[in-house]
Protein backbone atom coordinates (compact mmCIF):
# COMPACT_ATOMS: atom_id res chain seq x y z
CA GLN A 1 -4.34 18.44 -2.89
CA VAL A 2 -1.93 15.27 -1.61
CA GLN A 3 0.54 15.11 0.64
CA VAL A 4 1.64 11.94 1.10
CA VAL A 5 3.74 11.88 4.20
CA GLU A 6 6.59 9.05 4.53
CA SER A 7 7.62 8.13 7.82
CA GLY A 8 10.56 5.22 9.49
CA GLY A 9 14.12 5.73 7.92
CA GLY A 10 17.45 5.99 10.52
CA LEU A 11 20.16 3.92 11.25
CA VAL A 12 20.57 0.04 11.05
CA GLN A 13 23.44 -1.94 11.76
CA VAL A 14 23.46 -5.11 9.30
CA GLY A 15 21.18 -7.89 9.93
CA GLY A 16 18.17 -5.37 11.56
CA SER A 17 14.64 -4.14 10.57
CA LEU A 18 13.40 -1.16 9.53
CA ARG A 19 9.06 -0.44 8.58
CA LEU A 20 9.60 2.78 6.24
CA SER A 21 5.38 3.29 6.35
CA CYS A 22 3.58 6.19 4.08
CA ALA A 23 0.59 7.61 4.22
CA ALA A 24 -1.60 9.80 1.12
CA SER A 25 -4.80 12.17 2.24
CA GLY A 26 -6.14 14.58 0.33
CA SER A 27 -8.23 14.39 -3.37
CA ILE A 28 -7.35 10.74 -3.43
CA PHE A 29 -9.05 8.90 -6.44
CA SER A 30 -9.64 5.43 -6.53
CA ILE A 31 -5.48 4.35 -6.31
CA ASP A 32 -4.07 2.04 -8.47
CA ALA A 33 -0.28 1.15 -7.59
CA MET A 34 1.46 1.78 -5.16
CA GLY A 35 5.39 1.39 -4.37
CA TRP A 36 9.05 1.88 -3.26
CA TYR A 37 12.04 3.78 -4.52
CA ARG A 38 15.04 3.98 -3.29
CA GLN A 39 18.02 6.72 -4.75
CA ALA A 40 21.70 6.04 -3.16
CA PRO A 41 24.97 8.01 -3.62
CA GLY A 42 26.19 8.76 -7.08
CA LYS A 43 23.57 5.59 -8.25
CA GLN A 44 19.64 5.93 -9.89
CA ARG A 45 16.48 5.74 -8.67
CA GLU A 46 14.98 2.91 -8.84
CA LEU A 47 12.37 0.29 -8.06
CA VAL A 48 12.16 -1.11 -4.83
CA ALA A 49 8.93 -2.75 -4.80
CA ARG A 50 5.45 -1.89 -5.89
CA ILE A 51 1.75 -3.37 -4.60
CA ASP A 52 -1.50 -2.65 -7.22
CA ARG A 53 -4.78 -2.46 -6.44
CA LEU A 54 -5.08 -6.40 -5.79
CA GLY A 55 -2.12 -7.03 -3.93
CA TRP A 56 0.18 -8.26 -6.87
CA THR A 57 4.00 -7.32 -5.85
CA ASN A 58 7.21 -7.04 -7.43
CA TYR A 59 10.78 -6.55 -6.12
CA VAL A 60 13.71 -5.81 -7.27
CA ASP A 61 15.44 -9.49 -6.82
CA SER A 62 18.44 -7.71 -4.98
CA VAL A 63 15.81 -7.45 -1.79
CA LYS A 64 13.09 -9.93 -2.74
CA GLY A 65 12.81 -12.39 0.23
CA ARG A 66 14.37 -9.59 2.25
CA PHE A 67 11.83 -7.21 1.84
CA THR A 68 7.84 -6.87 2.71
CA ILE A 69 5.39 -5.09 0.85
CA SER A 70 1.40 -4.52 1.83
CA ARG A 71 -1.11 -2.61 1.78
CA ASP A 72 -3.81 -0.31 3.60
CA ASN A 73 -6.29 0.26 0.87
CA GLY A 74 -8.64 2.19 4.33
CA GLN A 75 -6.28 4.14 5.56
CA ASN A 76 -4.46 5.25 1.94
CA THR A 77 -1.13 3.54 3.69
CA VAL A 78 1.19 1.89 2.11
CA TYR A 79 4.31 -0.05 3.85
CA LEU A 80 7.61 -1.56 3.18
CA GLN A 81 8.91 -3.98 5.96
CA MET A 82 12.65 -4.43 5.41
CA ASN A 83 14.44 -7.64 6.88
CA SER A 84 18.03 -8.60 6.87
CA LEU A 85 19.42 -5.37 5.96
CA LYS A 86 22.74 -4.86 4.34
CA PRO A 87 24.75 -1.85 3.80
CA GLU A 88 23.93 -1.70 -0.04
CA ASP A 89 20.17 -0.75 0.53
CA THR A 90 21.59 2.08 2.21
CA ALA A 91 19.86 5.12 0.38
CA VAL A 92 16.83 7.27 0.78
CA TYR A 93 13.93 5.69 0.00
CA TYR A 94 10.56 7.61 -1.57
CA CYS A 95 7.16 6.77 -1.63
CA PHE A 96 4.76 7.00 -4.48
CA ILE A 97 0.94 7.13 -4.67
CA ARG A 98 -0.77 6.48 -8.44
CA ASP A 99 -4.12 6.95 -8.41
CA ALA A 100 -6.42 8.17 -11.72
CA LEU A 101 -5.10 11.83 -12.05
CA GLY A 102 -1.44 10.83 -11.45
CA ASP A 103 1.54 10.03 -9.46
CA TYR A 104 2.39 11.40 -6.03
CA TRP A 105 5.49 11.76 -3.98
CA GLY A 106 6.62 11.86 -0.79
CA GLN A 107 10.00 13.64 0.36
CA GLY A 108 12.33 10.46 1.38
CA THR A 109 13.32 8.87 3.99
CA GLN A 110 16.81 7.68 5.14
CA VAL A 111 17.29 4.90 5.63
CA THR A 112 20.92 4.07 6.67
CA VAL A 113 23.24 0.77 7.14
CA SER A 114 26.04 0.38 8.81
CA SER A 115 28.30 -2.65 8.99
């Protein structure tokens, strides 16, 4: 089994920063991509940022220049540094990890940006 545990969400004021972490443990085989989705109330889940095993990254346009994704391959961990947060960043953030056998998801962590 694979366990995916997220941490780092919370309440922050506009312009503030948060750092999300996501760690995978268990029977992980050759991690390919790791990343973060988010879902705001009444909206579809969207891909926020993704990083592949070579370190290539991609971001949704709305977070470019504000969010940075990184990974620690040795620890099977992915991070999302979120700066200059806006109210529209408020959502539940879900981590995903993709290995040779499939995708694994975290339970979600709430990020709330207050104005």
